[in-house]
């Protein structure tokens, strides 16, 4: 990676792993408690799932491109 500023390759791998852990936690929580609906589910799935997906996709793209 030739970028002077920004996260290193190791930090991108950490972000991918953290995103997968977050998505796994959301999945386990939904499988145990079920999808009940309401504002709490929107918060859990929207914020938790959105953050997990964002971390995996954004850092995965950087790693795939080699930057």
Protein backbone atom coordinates (compact mmCIF):
# COMPACT_ATOMS: atom_id res chain seq x y z
CA UNK A 1 0.00 0.00 0.00
CA UNK A 2 1.53 3.20 -1.15
CA UNK A 3 -0.90 5.55 0.57
CA UNK A 4 0.80 7.85 3.01
CA UNK A 5 -2.26 8.38 5.15
CA UNK A 6 -5.11 6.08 6.04
CA UNK A 7 -5.43 2.62 7.51
CA UNK A 8 -2.83 -0.03 6.90
CA UNK A 9 -3.50 -3.44 5.37
CA UNK A 10 -3.59 -5.00 8.84
CA UNK A 11 -6.21 -2.53 10.00
CA UNK A 12 -8.35 -3.36 6.98
CA UNK A 13 -8.18 -7.05 7.91
CA UNK A 14 -9.18 -6.14 11.46
CA UNK A 15 -12.15 -4.16 10.16
CA UNK A 16 -13.27 -7.08 8.00
CA UNK A 17 -13.05 -9.41 11.00
CA UNK A 18 -14.88 -6.93 13.25
CA UNK A 19 -17.61 -6.52 10.65
CA UNK A 20 -18.09 -10.28 10.41
CA UNK A 21 -18.28 -10.53 14.21
CA UNK A 22 -20.92 -7.78 14.26
CA UNK A 23 -22.95 -9.50 11.53
CA UNK A 24 -22.64 -12.80 13.38
CA UNK A 25 -23.84 -11.17 16.59
CA UNK A 26 -26.85 -9.66 14.84
CA UNK A 27 -27.62 -13.05 13.28
CA UNK A 28 -27.34 -14.89 16.60
CA UNK A 29 -29.50 -12.29 18.32
CA UNK A 30 -32.18 -12.59 15.67
CA UNK A 31 -32.09 -16.38 15.73
CA UNK A 32 -32.47 -16.50 19.52
CA UNK A 33 -35.10 -13.79 19.96
CA UNK A 34 -36.72 -13.82 16.55
CA UNK A 35 -37.69 -10.85 14.43
CA UNK A 36 -40.33 -9.10 16.54
CA UNK A 37 -40.60 -5.85 14.57
CA UNK A 38 -40.80 -2.37 15.99
CA UNK A 39 -38.24 0.36 16.52
CA UNK A 40 -35.81 -1.83 18.47
CA UNK A 41 -35.46 -4.29 15.58
CA UNK A 42 -34.98 -1.42 13.17
CA UNK A 43 -32.17 -0.15 15.37
CA UNK A 44 -30.52 -3.54 15.78
CA UNK A 45 -30.76 -4.65 12.18
CA UNK A 46 -30.38 -1.21 10.62
CA UNK A 47 -27.52 0.15 12.66
CA UNK A 48 -25.79 -3.11 13.62
CA UNK A 49 -26.23 -4.81 10.28
CA UNK A 50 -25.49 -1.62 8.38
CA UNK A 51 -22.26 -1.02 10.29
CA UNK A 52 -21.16 -4.63 9.84
CA UNK A 53 -21.89 -4.60 6.12
CA UNK A 54 -20.19 -1.23 5.67
CA UNK A 55 -17.02 -2.43 7.41
CA UNK A 56 -16.85 -5.67 5.45
CA UNK A 57 -17.60 -4.10 2.06
CA UNK A 58 -15.45 -0.98 2.35
CA UNK A 59 -12.38 -2.70 3.79
CA UNK A 60 -12.85 -5.75 1.58
CA UNK A 61 -12.83 -3.53 -1.51
CA UNK A 62 -9.60 -1.84 -0.38
CA UNK A 63 -7.97 -5.22 0.24
CA UNK A 64 -9.24 -6.62 -3.07
CA UNK A 65 -7.82 -3.63 -4.98
CA UNK A 66 -4.55 -3.84 -3.10
CA UNK A 67 -4.64 -0.28 -1.75
